[in-house]
């Protein structure tokens, strides 16, 4: 995966749509294989994407590392 677009988002809160789950958090580190999100959460139910708050997001107790090969799309959303 090309990480050039993600590099421009370091320091921002991003949302990663992955094969099985949706993760959101502050992008702090990345390489060709993985990204690290701090202050992260896993989203089980988004609700309408234009709403200001997720319907069901659970905070994660530690930074989360996500493999790049599981990321389908990403954006600054919430």
N, C-alpha and C. Protein backbone atom coordinates (compact mmCIF):
# COMPACT_ATOMS: atom_id res chain seq x y z
N UNK A 1 0.84 -1.18 0.00
CA UNK A 1 0.00 0.00 0.00
C UNK A 1 0.88 1.24 0.00
N UNK A 2 0.49 2.22 -0.75
CA UNK A 2 1.21 3.49 -0.80
C UNK A 2 0.89 4.29 0.46
N UNK A 3 1.92 4.68 1.22
CA UNK A 3 1.68 5.38 2.49
C UNK A 3 1.83 6.89 2.37
N UNK A 4 2.04 7.39 1.16
CA UNK A 4 2.23 8.84 0.99
C UNK A 4 1.03 9.61 1.52
N UNK A 5 -0.18 9.19 1.20
CA UNK A 5 -1.37 9.88 1.68
C UNK A 5 -1.49 9.85 3.19
N UNK A 6 -1.18 8.71 3.79
CA UNK A 6 -1.24 8.61 5.25
C UNK A 6 -0.19 9.47 5.92
N UNK A 7 0.98 9.61 5.33
CA UNK A 7 2.02 10.47 5.92
C UNK A 7 1.51 11.88 6.14
N UNK A 8 0.68 12.37 5.26
CA UNK A 8 0.17 13.74 5.40
C UNK A 8 -0.83 13.88 6.53
N UNK A 9 -1.29 12.75 7.09
CA UNK A 9 -2.30 12.78 8.15
C UNK A 9 -1.72 12.51 9.54
N UNK A 10 -0.40 12.35 9.66
CA UNK A 10 0.22 12.12 10.97
C UNK A 10 -0.13 13.29 11.89
N UNK A 11 -0.54 12.96 13.10
CA UNK A 11 -0.93 13.96 14.08
C UNK A 11 -2.42 14.24 14.10
N UNK A 12 -3.15 13.75 13.12
CA UNK A 12 -4.60 13.97 13.05
C UNK A 12 -5.35 12.72 13.51
N UNK A 13 -6.59 12.94 13.93
CA UNK A 13 -7.47 11.82 14.26
C UNK A 13 -8.04 11.29 12.94
N UNK A 14 -7.80 10.01 12.68
CA UNK A 14 -8.27 9.42 11.42
C UNK A 14 -9.14 8.21 11.72
N UNK A 15 -9.83 7.76 10.69
CA UNK A 15 -10.64 6.56 10.77
C UNK A 15 -10.16 5.60 9.70
N UNK A 16 -9.90 4.35 10.11
CA UNK A 16 -9.45 3.30 9.19
C UNK A 16 -10.56 2.27 9.05
N UNK A 17 -11.02 2.09 7.83
CA UNK A 17 -11.99 1.04 7.53
C UNK A 17 -11.19 -0.18 7.11
N UNK A 18 -11.24 -1.23 7.91
CA UNK A 18 -10.45 -2.43 7.67
C UNK A 18 -11.36 -3.60 7.30
N UNK A 19 -10.74 -4.73 7.00
CA UNK A 19 -11.50 -5.91 6.56
C UNK A 19 -12.61 -6.29 7.53
N UNK A 20 -12.33 -6.26 8.82
CA UNK A 20 -13.32 -6.71 9.80
C UNK A 20 -13.83 -5.62 10.73
N UNK A 21 -13.04 -4.60 10.98
CA UNK A 21 -13.42 -3.59 11.97
C UNK A 21 -13.12 -2.20 11.45
N UNK A 22 -13.62 -1.22 12.18
CA UNK A 22 -13.33 0.18 11.94
C UNK A 22 -12.59 0.69 13.17
N UNK A 23 -11.45 1.34 12.95
CA UNK A 23 -10.65 1.90 14.03
C UNK A 23 -10.56 3.41 13.84
N UNK A 24 -10.52 4.12 14.95
CA UNK A 24 -10.36 5.56 14.90
C UNK A 24 -9.37 5.96 16.00
N UNK A 25 -8.56 6.97 15.73
CA UNK A 25 -7.59 7.42 16.71
C UNK A 25 -6.61 8.39 16.08
N UNK A 26 -5.69 8.86 16.90
CA UNK A 26 -4.67 9.81 16.44
C UNK A 26 -3.53 9.03 15.79
N UNK A 27 -3.29 9.30 14.52
CA UNK A 27 -2.21 8.64 13.78
C UNK A 27 -0.88 9.22 14.24
N UNK A 28 -0.04 8.38 14.84
CA UNK A 28 1.23 8.87 15.37
C UNK A 28 2.44 8.26 14.70
N UNK A 29 2.27 7.12 14.04
CA UNK A 29 3.43 6.43 13.48
C UNK A 29 2.96 5.48 12.39
N UNK A 30 3.77 5.33 11.33
CA UNK A 30 3.44 4.38 10.28
C UNK A 30 4.68 3.99 9.50
N UNK A 31 4.59 2.82 8.90
CA UNK A 31 5.58 2.39 7.93
C UNK A 31 4.84 1.57 6.87
N UNK A 32 5.56 0.84 6.04
CA UNK A 32 4.92 0.08 4.97
C UNK A 32 4.04 -1.04 5.49
N UNK A 33 4.28 -1.48 6.73
CA UNK A 33 3.59 -2.65 7.26
C UNK A 33 2.47 -2.37 8.25
N UNK A 34 2.56 -1.26 8.98
CA UNK A 34 1.57 -1.01 10.02
C UNK A 34 1.43 0.46 10.33
N UNK A 35 0.32 0.80 10.98
CA UNK A 35 0.11 2.15 11.51
C UNK A 35 -0.13 2.02 13.00
N UNK A 36 0.19 3.08 13.74
CA UNK A 36 -0.08 3.12 15.17
C UNK A 36 -1.06 4.26 15.43
N UNK A 37 -2.14 3.94 16.15
CA UNK A 37 -3.11 4.93 16.58
C UNK A 37 -3.07 5.04 18.10
N UNK A 38 -2.95 6.26 18.60
CA UNK A 38 -3.07 6.53 20.03
C UNK A 38 -4.47 7.06 20.30
N UNK A 39 -4.88 7.03 21.58
CA UNK A 39 -6.24 7.46 21.96
C UNK A 39 -7.25 6.83 21.01
N UNK A 40 -7.10 5.52 20.81
CA UNK A 40 -7.84 4.81 19.77
C UNK A 40 -9.11 4.17 20.30
N UNK A 41 -9.97 3.87 19.37
CA UNK A 41 -11.19 3.13 19.66
C UNK A 41 -11.54 2.22 18.51
N UNK A 42 -12.34 1.22 18.82
CA UNK A 42 -12.86 0.32 17.81
C UNK A 42 -14.35 0.61 17.68
N UNK A 43 -14.80 0.76 16.46
CA UNK A 43 -16.19 1.16 16.19
C UNK A 43 -16.97 -0.09 15.80
N UNK A 44 -18.01 -0.39 16.59
CA UNK A 44 -18.86 -1.54 16.30
C UNK A 44 -20.11 -1.13 15.53
N UNK A 45 -20.55 0.12 15.70
CA UNK A 45 -21.72 0.62 14.98
C UNK A 45 -21.50 2.10 14.72
N UNK A 46 -21.45 2.48 13.46
CA UNK A 46 -21.17 3.88 13.12
C UNK A 46 -22.38 4.77 13.30
N UNK A 47 -23.58 4.26 13.02
CA UNK A 47 -24.72 5.13 12.88
C UNK A 47 -24.52 5.92 11.60
N UNK A 48 -25.32 6.97 11.35
CA UNK A 48 -25.11 7.79 10.15
C UNK A 48 -23.72 8.42 10.17
N UNK A 49 -23.00 8.31 9.08
CA UNK A 49 -21.61 8.79 9.05
C UNK A 49 -21.49 10.30 9.19
N UNK A 50 -22.55 11.04 8.96
CA UNK A 50 -22.50 12.49 9.12
C UNK A 50 -22.77 12.92 10.56
N UNK A 51 -23.19 11.99 11.43
CA UNK A 51 -23.40 12.33 12.84
C UNK A 51 -22.06 12.65 13.49
N UNK A 52 -22.09 13.46 14.52
CA UNK A 52 -20.87 13.88 15.21
C UNK A 52 -20.32 12.80 16.12
N UNK A 53 -21.11 11.79 16.47
CA UNK A 53 -20.69 10.77 17.42
C UNK A 53 -21.05 9.39 16.87
N UNK A 54 -20.14 8.42 17.11
CA UNK A 54 -20.41 7.05 16.72
C UNK A 54 -21.54 6.50 17.59
N UNK A 55 -22.34 5.59 17.04
CA UNK A 55 -23.38 4.93 17.82
C UNK A 55 -22.77 4.02 18.87
N UNK A 56 -21.73 3.25 18.50
CA UNK A 56 -21.06 2.36 19.46
C UNK A 56 -19.57 2.30 19.16
N UNK A 57 -18.78 3.06 19.91
CA UNK A 57 -17.33 3.02 19.82
C UNK A 57 -16.78 2.72 21.21
N UNK A 58 -15.90 1.74 21.27
CA UNK A 58 -15.29 1.36 22.53
C UNK A 58 -13.85 1.84 22.56
N UNK A 59 -13.49 2.61 23.60
CA UNK A 59 -12.10 3.05 23.75
C UNK A 59 -11.20 1.85 23.96
N UNK A 60 -10.02 1.91 23.38
CA UNK A 60 -9.01 0.87 23.59
C UNK A 60 -8.04 1.35 24.67
N UNK A 61 -7.62 0.48 25.58
CA UNK A 61 -6.81 0.91 26.72
C UNK A 61 -5.37 1.25 26.39
N UNK A 62 -4.92 0.89 25.19
CA UNK A 62 -3.53 1.10 24.79
C UNK A 62 -3.50 1.52 23.32
N UNK A 63 -2.37 2.03 22.85
CA UNK A 63 -2.25 2.28 21.42
C UNK A 63 -2.53 0.99 20.63
N UNK A 64 -3.05 1.14 19.44
CA UNK A 64 -3.34 -0.02 18.61
C UNK A 64 -2.48 0.04 17.35
N UNK A 65 -1.96 -1.11 16.96
CA UNK A 65 -1.18 -1.24 15.73
C UNK A 65 -2.03 -2.02 14.73
N UNK A 66 -2.17 -1.47 13.55
CA UNK A 66 -3.02 -2.08 12.53
C UNK A 66 -2.17 -2.40 11.31
N UNK A 67 -2.28 -3.62 10.83
CA UNK A 67 -1.53 -4.03 9.65
C UNK A 67 -2.07 -3.32 8.41
N UNK A 68 -1.19 -2.79 7.61
CA UNK A 68 -1.59 -2.06 6.41
C UNK A 68 -2.35 -2.94 5.42
N UNK A 69 -2.05 -4.25 5.38
CA UNK A 69 -2.73 -5.10 4.41
C UNK A 69 -4.19 -5.37 4.77
N UNK A 70 -4.64 -4.92 5.95
CA UNK A 70 -6.05 -5.06 6.30
C UNK A 70 -6.84 -3.77 6.08
N UNK A 71 -6.16 -2.67 5.76
CA UNK A 71 -6.83 -1.38 5.58
C UNK A 71 -7.43 -1.30 4.18
N UNK A 72 -8.74 -1.03 4.13
CA UNK A 72 -9.43 -0.87 2.86
C UNK A 72 -9.50 0.59 2.45
N UNK A 73 -9.74 1.47 3.42
CA UNK A 73 -9.79 2.90 3.15
C UNK A 73 -9.55 3.67 4.44
N UNK A 74 -9.26 4.95 4.32
CA UNK A 74 -9.01 5.78 5.49
C UNK A 74 -9.39 7.21 5.18
N UNK A 75 -9.69 7.96 6.25
CA UNK A 75 -10.07 9.36 6.07
C UNK A 75 -10.09 10.07 7.42
N UNK A 76 -10.10 11.38 7.35
CA UNK A 76 -10.38 12.20 8.53
C UNK A 76 -11.91 12.31 8.56
N UNK A 77 -12.53 11.67 9.53
CA UNK A 77 -13.99 11.59 9.54
C UNK A 77 -14.58 12.14 10.81
N UNK A 78 -14.03 11.79 11.95
CA UNK A 78 -14.59 12.21 13.24
C UNK A 78 -13.54 12.95 14.03
